[in-house]
Amino acid sequence: MKLSHKLEYACRVLAQLARSFGQDKMAHIDTLAEAEQIPANYLVQILNELRNAGLIASKRGKQGGYALAIEPERIRLNDIVKAVESELLESNFQGDGQSGARVAEIWDEIGSDFEQKISSYTLDQFVVDDSSEMYYI
């Protein structure tokens, strides 16, 4: 399965924002870009789409930045897909010809299974636990 970098980056930046959910600070785009090794100019576009979908909030100014608008456990993977790559969930089979209807039916079933599967994952499952990091004094 080949998915876009855009979808991958959206999942990674949301996982980064989920790490600080509930804290009283917003993440700056440069910090997010560096942490997830995503080009900042491309990240701006992705963050705008995530904001338009209501998954994140943004604030301008010196104290501004980005934060999740919803609890990580309430954001499903299919919400992320719909926000940045909705065409991934669309079926485009015509159903023409003798076999077309059956082929379309099978692919529609696969698409439904796929959407059900990605609905079973939530953003909190994407967050990496930092407890394995070692600190030396």
N, C-alpha and C. Protein backbone atom coordinates (compact mmCIF):
# COMPACT_ATOMS: atom_id res chain seq x y z
N MET A 1 0.85 -1.17 0.00
CA MET A 1 0.00 0.00 0.00
C MET A 1 0.90 1.23 0.00
N LYS A 2 0.63 2.14 -0.89
CA LYS A 2 1.42 3.35 -0.98
C LYS A 2 0.57 4.54 -0.57
N LEU A 3 0.91 5.12 0.57
CA LEU A 3 0.21 6.30 1.07
C LEU A 3 1.11 7.51 0.90
N SER A 4 0.53 8.67 0.91
CA SER A 4 1.29 9.90 0.66
C SER A 4 2.10 10.34 1.88
N HIS A 5 3.14 11.12 1.60
CA HIS A 5 3.92 11.74 2.67
C HIS A 5 3.03 12.70 3.46
N LYS A 6 2.10 13.32 2.77
CA LYS A 6 1.20 14.27 3.42
C LYS A 6 0.44 13.61 4.56
N LEU A 7 -0.09 12.41 4.32
CA LEU A 7 -0.82 11.69 5.36
C LEU A 7 0.12 11.25 6.48
N GLU A 8 1.28 10.78 6.10
CA GLU A 8 2.27 10.38 7.11
C GLU A 8 2.66 11.57 7.99
N TYR A 9 2.94 12.71 7.36
CA TYR A 9 3.34 13.90 8.11
C TYR A 9 2.20 14.37 9.02
N ALA A 10 0.97 14.30 8.53
CA ALA A 10 -0.18 14.71 9.35
C ALA A 10 -0.28 13.84 10.60
N CYS A 11 -0.10 12.54 10.44
CA CYS A 11 -0.14 11.63 11.60
C CYS A 11 0.99 11.94 12.57
N ARG A 12 2.19 12.20 12.04
CA ARG A 12 3.34 12.47 12.89
C ARG A 12 3.20 13.78 13.65
N VAL A 13 2.74 14.83 12.99
CA VAL A 13 2.62 16.12 13.67
C VAL A 13 1.49 16.08 14.70
N LEU A 14 0.41 15.36 14.39
CA LEU A 14 -0.67 15.23 15.37
C LEU A 14 -0.20 14.41 16.58
N ALA A 15 0.60 13.39 16.35
CA ALA A 15 1.15 12.62 17.48
C ALA A 15 2.03 13.51 18.34
N GLN A 16 2.78 14.40 17.70
CA GLN A 16 3.63 15.34 18.44
C GLN A 16 2.76 16.30 19.26
N LEU A 17 1.69 16.79 18.68
CA LEU A 17 0.78 17.68 19.41
C LEU A 17 0.05 16.94 20.54
N ALA A 18 -0.22 15.67 20.33
CA ALA A 18 -0.89 14.87 21.37
C ALA A 18 -0.02 14.71 22.60
N ARG A 19 1.28 14.73 22.42
CA ARG A 19 2.21 14.59 23.55
C ARG A 19 2.03 15.72 24.57
N SER A 20 1.64 16.90 24.08
CA SER A 20 1.50 18.04 24.98
C SER A 20 0.04 18.44 25.21
N PHE A 21 -0.90 17.55 24.85
CA PHE A 21 -2.31 17.87 25.03
C PHE A 21 -2.62 18.09 26.50
N GLY A 22 -3.41 19.11 26.77
CA GLY A 22 -3.81 19.41 28.14
C GLY A 22 -2.87 20.36 28.86
N GLN A 23 -1.72 20.62 28.26
CA GLN A 23 -0.80 21.59 28.85
C GLN A 23 -1.20 22.97 28.35
N ASP A 24 -0.77 23.97 29.06
CA ASP A 24 -1.18 25.33 28.72
C ASP A 24 -0.17 26.02 27.82
N LYS A 25 0.27 25.32 26.78
CA LYS A 25 1.21 25.92 25.84
C LYS A 25 0.91 25.43 24.44
N MET A 26 1.32 26.23 23.48
CA MET A 26 1.10 25.87 22.09
C MET A 26 2.46 25.59 21.45
N ALA A 27 2.46 24.67 20.50
CA ALA A 27 3.70 24.28 19.83
C ALA A 27 3.96 25.20 18.64
N HIS A 28 5.18 25.63 18.50
CA HIS A 28 5.58 26.45 17.36
C HIS A 28 5.89 25.57 16.17
N ILE A 29 5.64 26.09 14.99
CA ILE A 29 5.82 25.30 13.78
C ILE A 29 7.27 24.82 13.61
N ASP A 30 8.23 25.65 13.96
CA ASP A 30 9.63 25.25 13.82
C ASP A 30 9.96 24.08 14.74
N THR A 31 9.41 24.08 15.93
CA THR A 31 9.63 22.99 16.88
C THR A 31 9.02 21.70 16.35
N LEU A 32 7.80 21.79 15.82
CA LEU A 32 7.13 20.62 15.26
C LEU A 32 7.89 20.08 14.05
N ALA A 33 8.31 20.97 13.17
CA ALA A 33 9.03 20.57 11.97
C ALA A 33 10.33 19.87 12.32
N GLU A 34 11.04 20.42 13.28
CA GLU A 34 12.32 19.82 13.69
C GLU A 34 12.11 18.47 14.37
N ALA A 35 11.16 18.39 15.28
CA ALA A 35 10.92 17.16 16.02
C ALA A 35 10.54 16.00 15.11
N GLU A 36 9.78 16.29 14.07
CA GLU A 36 9.31 15.23 13.18
C GLU A 36 10.03 15.21 11.83
N GLN A 37 11.02 16.08 11.67
CA GLN A 37 11.81 16.15 10.44
C GLN A 37 10.92 16.29 9.20
N ILE A 38 10.07 17.31 9.27
CA ILE A 38 9.15 17.64 8.19
C ILE A 38 9.49 19.04 7.70
N PRO A 39 9.58 19.26 6.39
CA PRO A 39 9.84 20.62 5.89
C PRO A 39 8.77 21.60 6.40
N ALA A 40 9.21 22.68 7.02
CA ALA A 40 8.29 23.63 7.65
C ALA A 40 7.30 24.24 6.66
N ASN A 41 7.76 24.54 5.44
CA ASN A 41 6.86 25.16 4.47
C ASN A 41 5.74 24.20 4.04
N TYR A 42 6.01 22.91 4.02
CA TYR A 42 4.99 21.91 3.70
C TYR A 42 4.09 21.68 4.91
N LEU A 43 4.68 21.73 6.08
CA LEU A 43 3.93 21.52 7.32
C LEU A 43 2.85 22.57 7.52
N VAL A 44 3.11 23.81 7.10
CA VAL A 44 2.12 24.89 7.21
C VAL A 44 0.84 24.49 6.47
N GLN A 45 0.97 23.95 5.28
CA GLN A 45 -0.19 23.54 4.49
C GLN A 45 -0.98 22.44 5.19
N ILE A 46 -0.25 21.47 5.72
CA ILE A 46 -0.90 20.35 6.41
C ILE A 46 -1.62 20.85 7.66
N LEU A 47 -0.97 21.70 8.43
CA LEU A 47 -1.59 22.24 9.64
C LEU A 47 -2.85 23.04 9.31
N ASN A 48 -2.84 23.76 8.21
CA ASN A 48 -4.04 24.50 7.79
C ASN A 48 -5.20 23.55 7.50
N GLU A 49 -4.92 22.43 6.83
CA GLU A 49 -5.97 21.46 6.54
C GLU A 49 -6.49 20.82 7.82
N LEU A 50 -5.60 20.52 8.75
CA LEU A 50 -6.00 19.94 10.03
C LEU A 50 -6.82 20.93 10.85
N ARG A 51 -6.46 22.21 10.77
CA ARG A 51 -7.23 23.26 11.46
C ARG A 51 -8.62 23.39 10.83
N ASN A 52 -8.68 23.40 9.50
CA ASN A 52 -9.96 23.51 8.81
C ASN A 52 -10.88 22.33 9.12
N ALA A 53 -10.30 21.18 9.42
CA ALA A 53 -11.08 19.99 9.76
C ALA A 53 -11.49 19.99 11.24
N GLY A 54 -11.00 20.97 12.01
CA GLY A 54 -11.36 21.07 13.42
C GLY A 54 -10.54 20.18 14.34
N LEU A 55 -9.45 19.60 13.83
CA LEU A 55 -8.64 18.72 14.66
C LEU A 55 -7.62 19.47 15.52
N ILE A 56 -7.19 20.64 15.03
CA ILE A 56 -6.24 21.45 15.79
C ILE A 56 -6.73 22.89 15.86
N ALA A 57 -6.14 23.61 16.79
CA ALA A 57 -6.42 25.04 16.94
C ALA A 57 -5.10 25.77 16.75
N SER A 58 -5.18 26.98 16.27
CA SER A 58 -3.97 27.77 16.11
C SER A 58 -4.19 29.17 16.67
N LYS A 59 -3.09 29.80 17.02
CA LYS A 59 -3.14 31.15 17.57
C LYS A 59 -1.93 31.91 17.03
N ARG A 60 -2.17 33.12 16.57
CA ARG A 60 -1.08 33.95 16.04
C ARG A 60 -0.37 34.69 17.16
N GLY A 61 0.81 35.18 16.86
CA GLY A 61 1.53 36.02 17.80
C GLY A 61 2.65 35.30 18.51
N LYS A 62 3.31 36.04 19.37
CA LYS A 62 4.48 35.53 20.08
C LYS A 62 4.14 34.31 20.94
N GLN A 63 2.98 34.33 21.59
CA GLN A 63 2.56 33.20 22.42
C GLN A 63 1.72 32.20 21.63
N GLY A 64 1.69 32.37 20.32
CA GLY A 64 0.86 31.52 19.47
C GLY A 64 1.51 30.20 19.13
N GLY A 65 0.82 29.47 18.29
CA GLY A 65 1.30 28.17 17.85
C GLY A 65 0.12 27.27 17.54
N TYR A 66 0.34 25.98 17.74
CA TYR A 66 -0.67 24.97 17.40
C TYR A 66 -0.89 24.05 18.58
N ALA A 67 -2.12 23.56 18.70
CA ALA A 67 -2.48 22.59 19.75
C ALA A 67 -3.66 21.77 19.25
N LEU A 68 -3.81 20.59 19.81
CA LEU A 68 -4.98 19.78 19.47
C LEU A 68 -6.25 20.47 19.95
N ALA A 69 -7.29 20.37 19.16
CA ALA A 69 -8.58 20.95 19.54
C ALA A 69 -9.47 19.91 20.21
N ILE A 70 -9.08 18.65 20.12
CA ILE A 70 -9.87 17.52 20.62
C ILE A 70 -8.92 16.58 21.36
N GLU A 71 -9.43 15.87 22.34
CA GLU A 71 -8.62 14.89 23.05
C GLU A 71 -8.08 13.84 22.08
N PRO A 72 -6.82 13.42 22.25
CA PRO A 72 -6.20 12.45 21.33
C PRO A 72 -6.98 11.15 21.20
N GLU A 73 -7.62 10.72 22.28
CA GLU A 73 -8.37 9.46 22.21
C GLU A 73 -9.68 9.59 21.45
N ARG A 74 -10.06 10.81 21.10
CA ARG A 74 -11.29 11.03 20.32
C ARG A 74 -11.01 11.27 18.84
N ILE A 75 -9.74 11.42 18.48
CA ILE A 75 -9.38 11.62 17.08
C ILE A 75 -9.04 10.27 16.47
N ARG A 76 -9.84 9.85 15.53
CA ARG A 76 -9.63 8.56 14.87
C ARG A 76 -8.78 8.76 13.61
N LEU A 77 -8.09 7.68 13.24
CA LEU A 77 -7.25 7.75 12.05
C LEU A 77 -8.06 8.13 10.82
N ASN A 78 -9.29 7.67 10.73
CA ASN A 78 -10.08 8.05 9.56
C ASN A 78 -10.42 9.54 9.56
N ASP A 79 -10.45 10.20 10.73
CA ASP A 79 -10.65 11.65 10.79
C ASP A 79 -9.45 12.36 10.15
N ILE A 80 -8.27 11.83 10.41
CA ILE A 80 -7.04 12.40 9.84
C ILE A 80 -7.03 12.20 8.33
N VAL A 81 -7.38 10.99 7.89
CA VAL A 81 -7.42 10.69 6.46
C VAL A 81 -8.42 11.62 5.77
N LYS A 82 -9.59 11.79 6.35
CA LYS A 82 -10.60 12.66 5.75
C LYS A 82 -10.12 14.11 5.69
N ALA A 83 -9.32 14.52 6.64
CA ALA A 83 -8.84 15.90 6.68
C ALA A 83 -7.81 16.20 5.60
N VAL A 84 -6.92 15.27 5.32
CA VAL A 84 -5.80 15.58 4.41
C VAL A 84 -5.76 14.73 3.15
N GLU A 85 -6.51 13.63 3.11
CA GLU A 85 -6.41 12.71 1.97
C GLU A 85 -7.74 12.02 1.72
N SER A 86 -8.82 12.79 1.68
CA SER A 86 -10.17 12.21 1.61
C SER A 86 -10.38 11.34 0.38
N GLU A 87 -9.67 11.62 -0.71
CA GLU A 87 -9.85 10.83 -1.93
C GLU A 87 -9.41 9.38 -1.74
N LEU A 88 -8.63 9.12 -0.70
CA LEU A 88 -8.19 7.75 -0.40
C LEU A 88 -9.39 6.86 -0.08
N LEU A 89 -10.45 7.43 0.45
CA LEU A 89 -11.62 6.67 0.85
C LEU A 89 -12.71 6.63 -0.23
N GLU A 90 -12.46 7.27 -1.36
CA GLU A 90 -13.46 7.31 -2.43
C GLU A 90 -13.30 6.14 -3.38
N SER A 91 -14.41 5.63 -3.85
CA SER A 91 -14.41 4.57 -4.86
C SER A 91 -14.66 5.21 -6.21
N ASN A 92 -13.92 4.75 -7.22
CA ASN A 92 -14.08 5.36 -8.54
C ASN A 92 -14.35 4.31 -9.63
N PHE A 93 -14.87 3.17 -9.25
CA PHE A 93 -15.19 2.14 -10.24
C PHE A 93 -16.52 2.46 -10.90
N GLN A 94 -16.58 2.22 -12.21
CA GLN A 94 -17.75 2.56 -13.00
C GLN A 94 -18.84 1.49 -12.97
N GLY A 95 -18.45 0.25 -12.89
CA GLY A 95 -19.44 -0.83 -12.92
C GLY A 95 -19.88 -1.17 -14.33
N ASP A 96 -19.13 -0.71 -15.33
CA ASP A 96 -19.47 -0.98 -16.72
C ASP A 96 -19.06 -2.40 -17.13
N GLY A 97 -19.59 -2.84 -18.25
CA GLY A 97 -19.24 -4.15 -18.80
C GLY A 97 -19.89 -5.28 -18.03
N GLN A 98 -19.58 -6.48 -18.49
CA GLN A 98 -20.20 -7.67 -17.91
C GLN A 98 -19.75 -7.90 -16.46
N SER A 99 -18.49 -7.60 -16.14
CA SER A 99 -17.94 -7.87 -14.81
C SER A 99 -17.83 -6.62 -13.94
N GLY A 100 -18.09 -5.48 -14.52
CA GLY A 100 -17.85 -4.22 -13.83
C GLY A 100 -18.58 -4.06 -12.51
N ALA A 101 -19.85 -4.47 -12.48
CA ALA A 101 -20.63 -4.32 -11.25
C ALA A 101 -20.06 -5.17 -10.12
N ARG A 102 -19.64 -6.39 -10.45
CA ARG A 102 -19.08 -7.28 -9.43
C ARG A 102 -17.72 -6.77 -8.95
N VAL A 103 -16.90 -6.31 -9.88
CA VAL A 103 -15.59 -5.75 -9.51
C VAL A 103 -15.78 -4.55 -8.59
N ALA A 104 -16.69 -3.66 -8.95
CA ALA A 104 -16.97 -2.47 -8.12
C ALA A 104 -17.48 -2.88 -6.74
N GLU A 105 -18.33 -3.89 -6.70
CA GLU A 105 -18.88 -4.36 -5.43
C GLU A 105 -17.77 -4.87 -4.50
N ILE A 106 -16.85 -5.65 -5.06
CA ILE A 106 -15.74 -6.19 -4.26
C ILE A 106 -14.86 -5.06 -3.74
N TRP A 107 -14.51 -4.11 -4.61
CA TRP A 107 -13.66 -3.00 -4.17
C TRP A 107 -14.37 -2.11 -3.17
N ASP A 108 -15.67 -1.94 -3.29
CA ASP A 108 -16.44 -1.18 -2.31
C ASP A 108 -16.40 -1.88 -0.95
N GLU A 109 -16.49 -3.21 -0.97
CA GLU A 109 -16.41 -3.98 0.28
C GLU A 109 -15.03 -3.83 0.91
N ILE A 110 -14.00 -3.90 0.11
CA ILE A 110 -12.63 -3.71 0.62
C ILE A 110 -12.48 -2.30 1.19
N GLY A 111 -13.02 -1.31 0.50
CA GLY A 111 -12.98 0.07 0.99
C GLY A 111 -13.69 0.23 2.32
N SER A 112 -14.84 -0.43 2.48
CA SER A 112 -15.58 -0.37 3.74
C SER A 112 -14.78 -1.01 4.87
N ASP A 113 -14.15 -2.16 4.56
CA ASP A 113 -13.31 -2.83 5.57
C ASP A 113 -12.13 -1.95 5.96
N PHE A 114 -11.53 -1.29 4.97
CA PHE A 114 -10.40 -0.40 5.22
C PHE A 114 -10.82 0.76 6.11
N GLU A 115 -11.94 1.37 5.79
CA GLU A 115 -12.42 2.50 6.59
C GLU A 115 -12.77 2.06 8.01
N GLN A 116 -13.35 0.88 8.14
CA GLN A 116 -13.66 0.36 9.48
C GLN A 116 -12.37 0.12 10.26
N LYS A 117 -11.36 -0.41 9.60
CA LYS A 117 -10.09 -0.68 10.28
C LYS A 117 -9.42 0.61 10.73
N ILE A 118 -9.35 1.63 9.86
CA ILE A 118 -8.68 2.86 10.26
C ILE A 118 -9.49 3.63 11.30
N SER A 119 -10.78 3.34 11.39
CA SER A 119 -11.60 3.95 12.44
C SER A 119 -11.30 3.35 13.81
N SER A 120 -10.66 2.20 13.82
CA SER A 120 -10.38 1.52 15.09
C SER A 120 -9.12 2.07 15.78
N TYR A 121 -8.34 2.89 15.09
CA TYR A 121 -7.14 3.48 15.68
C TYR A 121 -7.41 4.93 16.07
N THR A 122 -6.90 5.32 17.23
CA THR A 122 -7.04 6.70 17.69
C THR A 122 -5.66 7.33 17.84
N LEU A 123 -5.63 8.64 17.84
CA LEU A 123 -4.37 9.37 17.87
C LEU A 123 -3.51 9.03 19.07
N ASP A 124 -4.11 8.78 20.22
CA ASP A 124 -3.31 8.46 21.40
C ASP A 124 -2.46 7.21 21.20
N GLN A 125 -2.85 6.34 20.26
CA GLN A 125 -2.06 5.15 19.97
C GLN A 125 -0.81 5.47 19.16
N PHE A 126 -0.72 6.65 18.60
CA PHE A 126 0.42 7.06 17.79
C PHE A 126 1.52 7.70 18.62
N VAL A 127 1.20 8.06 19.85
CA VAL A 127 2.14 8.81 20.70
C VAL A 127 3.23 7.88 21.22
N VAL A 128 4.48 8.32 21.04
CA VAL A 128 5.64 7.56 21.50
C VAL A 128 5.89 7.87 22.97
N ASP A 129 6.10 6.84 23.75
CA ASP A 129 6.38 6.98 25.17
C ASP A 129 7.85 7.36 25.36
N ASP A 130 8.10 8.44 26.09
CA ASP A 130 9.46 8.91 26.34
C ASP A 130 10.12 8.23 27.53
N SER A 131 9.42 7.37 28.23
CA SER A 131 9.95 6.80 29.47
C SER A 131 11.19 5.95 29.24
N SER A 132 11.46 5.56 27.99
CA SER A 132 12.63 4.73 27.71
C SER A 132 13.91 5.56 27.55
N GLU A 133 13.77 6.89 27.50
CA GLU A 133 14.95 7.74 27.36
C GLU A 133 15.76 7.74 28.64
N MET A 134 17.08 7.72 28.47
CA MET A 134 17.98 7.74 29.63
C MET A 134 18.57 9.13 29.80
N TYR A 135 18.61 9.60 31.01
CA TYR A 135 19.21 10.89 31.30
C TYR A 135 20.40 10.66 32.23
N TYR A 136 21.51 11.26 31.88
CA TYR A 136 22.72 11.11 32.68
C TYR A 136 23.06 12.41 33.38
N ILE A 137 23.49 12.30 34.63
CA ILE A 137 23.84 13.47 35.42
C ILE A 137 25.35 13.51 35.60
